[in-house]
C-alpha atoms as a PDB file:
ATOM      1  CA  UNK A   1      26.658  13.365   2.634  1.00  0.00           C
ATOM      2  CA  UNK A   2      23.128  12.473   3.465  1.00  0.00           C
ATOM      3  CA  UNK A   3      21.988  10.666   6.411  1.00  0.00           C
ATOM      4  CA  UNK A   4      21.119   7.082   6.039  1.00  0.00           C
ATOM      5  CA  UNK A   5      17.474   7.278   5.602  1.00  0.00           C
ATOM      6  CA  UNK A   6      14.734   4.613   3.528  1.00  0.00           C
ATOM      7  CA  UNK A   7      12.806   5.953   0.464  1.00  0.00           C
ATOM      8  CA  UNK A   8       9.864   3.936   0.000  1.00  0.00           C
ATOM      9  CA  UNK A   9       7.699   3.511  -3.240  1.00  0.00           C
ATOM     10  CA  UNK A  10       3.874   4.198  -3.304  1.00  0.00           C
ATOM     11  CA  UNK A  11       1.796   1.547  -1.769  1.00  0.00           C
ATOM     12  CA  UNK A  12      -0.710   0.722  -3.705  1.00  0.00           C
ATOM     13  CA  UNK A  13      -4.401  -0.403  -1.890  1.00  0.00           C
ATOM     14  CA  UNK A  14      -4.346  -4.148   0.213  1.00  0.00           C
ATOM     15  CA  UNK A  15      -7.312  -5.257  -0.885  1.00  0.00           C
ATOM     16  CA  UNK A  16     -10.183  -4.344  -2.882  1.00  0.00           C
ATOM     17  CA  UNK A  17     -12.466  -1.735  -2.603  1.00  0.00           C
ATOM     18  CA  UNK A  18     -14.922  -3.013  -0.882  1.00  0.00           C
ATOM     19  CA  UNK A  19     -18.447  -3.074  -2.831  1.00  0.00           C
ATOM     20  CA  UNK A  20     -21.587  -2.839  -1.599  1.00  0.00           C
ATOM     21  CA  UNK A  21     -22.224  -6.545  -1.046  1.00  0.00           C
ATOM     22  CA  UNK A  22     -19.125  -6.224   1.098  1.00  0.00           C
ATOM     23  CA  UNK A  23     -19.420  -2.822   3.496  1.00  0.00           C
ATOM     24  CA  UNK A  24     -19.383  -4.982   6.739  1.00  0.00           C
ATOM     25  CA  UNK A  25     -15.961  -5.916   6.040  1.00  0.00           C
ATOM     26  CA  UNK A  26     -12.911  -4.578   8.534  1.00  0.00           C
ATOM     27  CA  UNK A  27     -10.865  -1.730   7.410  1.00  0.00           C
ATOM     28  CA  UNK A  28      -6.974  -0.787   8.740  1.00  0.00           C
ATOM     29  CA  UNK A  29      -4.313   1.336   9.021  1.00  0.00           C
ATOM     30  CA  UNK A  30      -0.666   0.554   8.742  1.00  0.00           C
ATOM     31  CA  UNK A  31       2.478   3.179   8.735  1.00  0.00           C
ATOM     32  CA  UNK A  32       4.588   0.964   6.180  1.00  0.00           C
ATOM     33  CA  UNK A  33       7.506   2.892   6.270  1.00  0.00           C
ATOM     34  CA  UNK A  34       7.686   2.689  10.155  1.00  0.00           C
ATOM     35  CA  UNK A  35       6.684  -1.065   9.860  1.00  0.00           C
ATOM     36  CA  UNK A  36       9.861  -1.511   7.412  1.00  0.00           C
ATOM     37  CA  UNK A  37      12.704   0.165   9.383  1.00  0.00           C
ATOM     38  CA  UNK A  38      11.079  -0.922  12.359  1.00  0.00           C
ATOM     39  CA  UNK A  39      11.852  -4.577  11.407  1.00  0.00           C
ATOM     40  CA  UNK A  40      14.947  -6.580  12.723  1.00  0.00           C
ATOM     41  CA  UNK A  41      16.119  -7.188   9.146  1.00  0.00           C
ATOM     42  CA  UNK A  42      15.480  -3.013   8.439  1.00  0.00           C
ATOM     43  CA  UNK A  43      17.236  -2.366  11.165  1.00  0.00           C
ATOM     44  CA  UNK A  44      20.313  -4.645   9.960  1.00  0.00           C
ATOM     45  CA  UNK A  45      20.009  -2.969   6.715  1.00  0.00           C
ATOM     46  CA  UNK A  46      20.468   0.225   7.595  1.00  0.00           C
ATOM     47  CA  UNK A  47      23.541  -0.283  10.178  1.00  0.00           C
ATOM     48  CA  UNK A  48      25.258  -2.218   7.800  1.00  0.00           C
ATOM     49  CA  UNK A  49      24.466   0.562   5.173  1.00  0.00           C
ATOM     50  CA  UNK A  50      25.754   2.919   7.056  1.00  0.00           C
ATOM     51  CA  UNK A  51      29.114   0.911   8.421  1.00  0.00           C
ATOM     52  CA  UNK A  52      29.354   0.733   4.535  1.00  0.00           C
ATOM     53  CA  UNK A  53      29.155   4.323   3.941  1.00  0.00           C
ATOM     54  CA  UNK A  54      31.057   5.743   7.346  1.00  0.00           C
ATOM     55  CA  UNK A  55      34.438   5.773   6.034  1.00  0.00           C
ATOM     56  CA  UNK A  56      33.920   7.415   2.775  1.00  0.00           C
ATOM     57  CA  UNK A  57      31.986   9.998   4.668  1.00  0.00           C
ATOM     58  CA  UNK A  58      35.170  10.346   7.180  1.00  0.00           C
ATOM     59  CA  UNK A  59      37.142  11.209   3.974  1.00  0.00           C
ATOM     60  CA  UNK A  60      34.615  13.524   2.814  1.00  0.00           C
ATOM     61  CA  UNK A  61      34.589  15.479   6.068  1.00  0.00           C
ATOM     62  CA  UNK A  62      38.746  15.409   6.106  1.00  0.00           C
ATOM     63  CA  UNK A  63      38.742  16.514   2.733  1.00  0.00           C
ATOM     64  CA  UNK A  64      36.209  19.394   3.429  1.00  0.00           C
ATOM     65  CA  UNK A  65      38.395  20.609   5.940  1.00  0.00           C
ATOM     66  CA  UNK A  66      41.681  20.808   4.167  1.00  0.00           C
ATOM     67  CA  UNK A  67      39.620  22.771   1.806  1.00  0.00           C
ATOM     68  CA  UNK A  68      38.552  25.034   4.618  1.00  0.00           C
ATOM     69  CA  UNK A  69      42.601  25.125   5.814  1.00  0.00           C
ATOM     70  CA  UNK A  70      43.548  26.311   2.310  1.00  0.00           C
ATOM     71  CA  UNK A  71      40.735  28.908   2.754  1.00  0.00           C
ATOM     72  CA  UNK A  72      42.184  29.967   5.627  1.00  0.00           C
ATOM     73  CA  UNK A  73      45.642  30.068   4.205  1.00  0.00           C
ATOM     74  CA  UNK A  74      44.257  32.597   1.214  1.00  0.00           C
ATOM     75  CA  UNK A  75      42.252  35.013   3.417  1.00  0.00           C
ATOM     76  CA  UNK A  76      45.496  35.237   6.211  1.00  0.00           C
ATOM     77  CA  UNK A  77      47.413  35.913   3.430  1.00  0.00           C
ATOM     78  CA  UNK A  78      46.369  38.347   2.037  1.00  0.00           C
ATOM     79  CA  UNK A  79      48.873  41.157   2.741  1.00  0.00           C
ATOM     80  CA  UNK A  80      51.709  39.093   2.674  1.00  0.00           C
ATOM     81  CA  UNK A  81      51.771  36.406   0.033  1.00  0.00           C
ATOM     82  CA  UNK A  82      52.746  37.055  -4.029  1.00  0.00           C
ATOM     83  CA  UNK A  83      50.349  37.224  -6.780  1.00  0.00           C
ATOM     84  CA  UNK A  84      51.123  33.999  -7.957  1.00  0.00           C
ATOM     85  CA  UNK A  85      50.844  32.445  -4.839  1.00  0.00           C
ATOM     86  CA  UNK A  86      47.694  33.390  -4.366  1.00  0.00           C
ATOM     87  CA  UNK A  87      46.343  32.694  -7.831  1.00  0.00           C
ATOM     88  CA  UNK A  88      48.256  28.729  -7.258  1.00  0.00           C
ATOM     89  CA  UNK A  89      46.128  28.548  -3.309  1.00  0.00           C
ATOM     90  CA  UNK A  90      42.864  29.894  -5.061  1.00  0.00           C
ATOM     91  CA  UNK A  91      43.422  27.153  -7.991  1.00  0.00           C
ATOM     92  CA  UNK A  92      44.029  24.399  -5.556  1.00  0.00           C
ATOM     93  CA  UNK A  93      40.586  25.162  -3.484  1.00  0.00           C
ATOM     94  CA  UNK A  94      38.476  25.222  -6.474  1.00  0.00           C
ATOM     95  CA  UNK A  95      39.795  21.721  -8.281  1.00  0.00           C
ATOM     96  CA  UNK A  96      39.223  20.172  -4.638  1.00  0.00           C
ATOM     97  CA  UNK A  97      35.752  21.897  -4.059  1.00  0.00           C
ATOM     98  CA  UNK A  98      34.994  20.437  -7.557  1.00  0.00           C
ATOM     99  CA  UNK A  99      36.189  17.323  -7.349  1.00  0.00           C
ATOM    100  CA  UNK A 100      34.661  16.467  -3.952  1.00  0.00           C
ATOM    101  CA  UNK A 101      31.622  17.939  -5.111  1.00  0.00           C
ATOM    102  CA  UNK A 102      31.393  15.259  -8.037  1.00  0.00           C
ATOM    103  CA  UNK A 103      32.577  12.231  -5.769  1.00  0.00           C
ATOM    104  CA  UNK A 104      30.338  13.636  -2.971  1.00  0.00           C
ATOM    105  CA  UNK A 105      27.062  13.505  -5.776  1.00  0.00           C
ATOM    106  CA  UNK A 106      28.724   9.855  -6.841  1.00  0.00           C
ATOM    107  CA  UNK A 107      28.283   8.630  -2.941  1.00  0.00           C
ATOM    108  CA  UNK A 108      25.036   9.907  -2.566  1.00  0.00           C
ATOM    109  CA  UNK A 109      23.877   8.374  -5.836  1.00  0.00           C
ATOM    110  CA  UNK A 110      25.570   5.247  -4.939  1.00  0.00           C
ATOM    111  CA  UNK A 111      24.192   4.825  -1.583  1.00  0.00           C
ATOM    112  CA  UNK A 112      20.450   6.055  -3.020  1.00  0.00           C
ATOM    113  CA  UNK A 113      20.854   2.907  -5.079  1.00  0.00           C
ATOM    114  CA  UNK A 114      21.473   0.958  -2.566  1.00  0.00           C
ATOM    115  CA  UNK A 115      18.808   1.680  -0.588  1.00  0.00           C
ATOM    116  CA  UNK A 116      16.447   1.406  -3.040  1.00  0.00           C
ATOM    117  CA  UNK A 117      17.099  -2.235  -3.850  1.00  0.00           C
ATOM    118  CA  UNK A 118      17.299  -3.540   0.000  1.00  0.00           C
ATOM    119  CA  UNK A 119      14.137  -1.261   0.341  1.00  0.00           C
ATOM    120  CA  UNK A 120      12.494  -2.831  -2.487  1.00  0.00           C
ATOM    121  CA  UNK A 121      12.807  -6.455  -1.635  1.00  0.00           C
ATOM    122  CA  UNK A 122      11.590  -5.585   2.061  1.00  0.00           C
ATOM    123  CA  UNK A 123       8.820  -3.893   0.839  1.00  0.00           C
ATOM    124  CA  UNK A 124       7.905  -6.956  -1.386  1.00  0.00           C
ATOM    125  CA  UNK A 125       8.191  -9.082   2.204  1.00  0.00           C
ATOM    126  CA  UNK A 126       5.630  -6.758   4.114  1.00  0.00           C
ATOM    127  CA  UNK A 127       3.548  -6.496   1.441  1.00  0.00           C
ATOM    128  CA  UNK A 128       3.206 -10.534   1.384  1.00  0.00           C
ATOM    129  CA  UNK A 129       2.651 -10.306   5.030  1.00  0.00           C
ATOM    130  CA  UNK A 130      -0.198  -7.642   5.334  1.00  0.00           C
ATOM    131  CA  UNK A 131      -1.617  -9.677   2.264  1.00  0.00           C
ATOM    132  CA  UNK A 132      -2.358 -12.631   4.438  1.00  0.00           C
ATOM    133  CA  UNK A 133      -2.312 -10.811   7.351  1.00  0.00           C
ATOM    134  CA  UNK A 134      -5.971  -9.588   6.019  1.00  0.00           C
ATOM    135  CA  UNK A 135      -7.191 -12.369   4.599  1.00  0.00           C
ATOM    136  CA  UNK A 136      -6.979 -14.398   7.618  1.00  0.00           C
ATOM    137  CA  UNK A 137      -8.525 -11.843   9.396  1.00  0.00           C
ATOM    138  CA  UNK A 138     -11.004 -10.570   7.240  1.00  0.00           C
ATOM    139  CA  UNK A 139      -9.546  -6.795   6.110  1.00  0.00           C
ATOM    140  CA  UNK A 140     -11.458  -5.938   3.008  1.00  0.00           C
ATOM    141  CA  UNK A 141      -9.484  -2.737   3.080  1.00  0.00           C
ATOM    142  CA  UNK A 142      -5.759  -1.833   4.342  1.00  0.00           C
ATOM    143  CA  UNK A 143      -4.747   1.843   3.721  1.00  0.00           C
ATOM    144  CA  UNK A 144      -1.196   3.414   3.815  1.00  0.00           C
ATOM    145  CA  UNK A 145      -1.196   6.666   6.122  1.00  0.00           C
ATOM    146  CA  UNK A 146       2.994   7.093   5.424  1.00  0.00           C
ATOM    147  CA  UNK A 147       3.269   8.269   2.528  1.00  0.00           C
ATOM    148  CA  UNK A 148       4.296  12.063   1.734  1.00  0.00           C
ATOM    149  CA  UNK A 149       1.067  13.290   0.215  1.00  0.00           C
ATOM    150  CA  UNK A 150      -1.614  11.236   2.803  1.00  0.00           C
ATOM    151  CA  UNK A 151      -5.230  11.692   2.257  1.00  0.00           C
ATOM    152  CA  UNK A 152      -6.214  10.189   5.367  1.00  0.00           C
ATOM    153  CA  UNK A 153      -7.489  12.185   7.653  1.00  0.00           C
ATOM    154  CA  UNK A 154      -8.579  10.443  10.450  1.00  0.00           C
ATOM    155  CA  UNK A 155      -8.071   7.085  11.628  1.00  0.00           C
ATOM    156  CA  UNK A 156      -8.287   5.165  15.206  1.00  0.00           C
ATOM    157  CA  UNK A 157      -5.870   3.649  16.564  1.00  0.00           C
ATOM    158  CA  UNK A 158      -7.707   0.704  17.269  1.00  0.00           C
ATOM    159  CA  UNK A 159      -7.465  -0.520  13.340  1.00  0.00           C
ATOM    160  CA  UNK A 160      -3.874   0.366  12.697  1.00  0.00           C
ATOM    161  CA  UNK A 161      -2.186  -3.067  12.045  1.00  0.00           C
ATOM    162  CA  UNK A 162       1.610  -1.798  11.758  1.00  0.00           C
ATOM    163  CA  UNK A 163       2.804  -3.239  15.509  1.00  0.00           C
ATOM    164  CA  UNK A 164       1.263  -6.936  14.905  1.00  0.00           C
ATOM    165  CA  UNK A 165       2.804  -6.265  11.068  1.00  0.00           C
ATOM    166  CA  UNK A 166       6.351  -6.064  12.713  1.00  0.00           C
ATOM    167  CA  UNK A 167       5.747  -8.869  14.859  1.00  0.00           C
ATOM    168  CA  UNK A 168       4.710 -11.224  12.657  1.00  0.00           C
ATOM    169  CA  UNK A 169       7.670 -10.301  10.198  1.00  0.00           C
ATOM    170  CA  UNK A 170       9.925 -10.585  13.130  1.00  0.00           C
ATOM    171  CA  UNK A 171       9.006 -14.110  14.008  1.00  0.00           C
ATOM    172  CA  UNK A 172       8.874 -15.170  10.241  1.00  0.00           C
ATOM    173  CA  UNK A 173      11.789 -13.179   8.649  1.00  0.00           C
ATOM    174  CA  UNK A 174      12.204 -15.759   5.309  1.00  0.00           C
ATOM    175  CA  UNK A 175      16.785 -14.026   5.972  1.00  0.00           C
ATOM    176  CA  UNK A 176      18.877 -11.586   5.435  1.00  0.00           C
ATOM    177  CA  UNK A 177      18.043  -8.882   3.103  1.00  0.00           C
ATOM    178  CA  UNK A 178      20.022  -8.180  -0.027  1.00  0.00           C
ATOM    179  CA  UNK A 179      21.331  -5.599  -2.030  1.00  0.00           C
ATOM    180  CA  UNK A 180      20.436  -7.583  -5.562  1.00  0.00           C
ATOM    181  CA  UNK A 181      17.393  -7.172  -7.316  1.00  0.00           C
ATOM    182  CA  UNK A 182      14.314  -7.541  -5.254  1.00  0.00           C
ATOM    183  CA  UNK A 183      12.421 -11.142  -5.193  1.00  0.00           C
ATOM    184  CA  UNK A 184       8.749 -11.333  -6.100  1.00  0.00           C
ATOM    185  CA  UNK A 185       6.734 -10.445  -3.241  1.00  0.00           C
ATOM    186  CA  UNK A 186       6.259 -14.435  -1.379  1.00  0.00           C
ATOM    187  CA  UNK A 187       4.966 -14.969   2.478  1.00  0.00           C
ATOM    188  CA  UNK A 188       7.391 -15.826   4.789  1.00  0.00           C
ATOM    189  CA  UNK A 189       7.690 -19.754   5.465  1.00  0.00           C
ATOM    190  CA  UNK A 190       6.021 -20.736   8.472  1.00  0.00           C
ATOM    191  CA  UNK A 191       3.341 -17.765   8.683  1.00  0.00           C
ATOM    192  CA  UNK A 192       0.838 -18.065  11.213  1.00  0.00           C
ATOM    193  CA  UNK A 193      -2.599 -19.484   8.874  1.00  0.00           C
ATOM    194  CA  UNK A 194      -4.358 -16.399  10.998  1.00  0.00           C
ATOM    195  CA  UNK A 195      -3.147 -13.902  13.493  1.00  0.00           C
ATOM    196  CA  UNK A 196      -5.623 -12.182  16.330  1.00  0.00           C
ATOM    197  CA  UNK A 197      -6.356  -9.027  15.339  1.00  0.00           C
ATOM    198  CA  UNK A 198      -6.544  -6.417  18.211  1.00  0.00           C
ATOM    199  CA  UNK A 199      -8.734  -6.389  21.240  1.00  0.00           C
ATOM    200  CA  UNK A 200     -10.570  -3.124  20.050  1.00  0.00           C
ATOM    201  CA  UNK A 201     -12.874  -3.913  17.199  1.00  0.00           C
ATOM    202  CA  UNK A 202     -11.402  -2.363  14.160  1.00  0.00           C
ATOM    203  CA  UNK A 203     -14.037   0.038  12.041  1.00  0.00           C
ATOM    204  CA  UNK A 204     -16.372  -1.175   9.682  1.00  0.00           C
END
């Protein structure tokens, strides 16, 4: 089975592109993937998914070992087993291999679906926090630099708000993440009116 990981939806820009009248607004970057998996909710959700699918993974590993043992038995018996016995072994290996392949694909599809649901909910929560943080602190543009097709060539660490967002989210988490349909984005209750920006001045 695949290792546990979160698959992220593409992040649209938070805020509007600055117009000439807004060119003194602040710009920030965030690694949304890092933010999601670093929150307490994200870590808990990943651990719960892994615990849920570990028994299935162990079962598949045992079945793979059983197939390997049958294959060894067939290899060793090339000169000692009857033709019928070799055919029976080969048939067992083929059937067990196909069954394992289909079951593994089904489990991976279920795992990916579960991760997509949970990540979608976490994404909406993080997005709501980023939106409020940006408005409260005068950012006109927040870019995500965690995408597979990154276009961001350079960004000073002074404008990276990832850690700020993680800390704000963890302090105001709206509750456990469910695997149901993602809820509409909503800022967690009790979110501070404004979070203090980092000491270093962000790029303008």
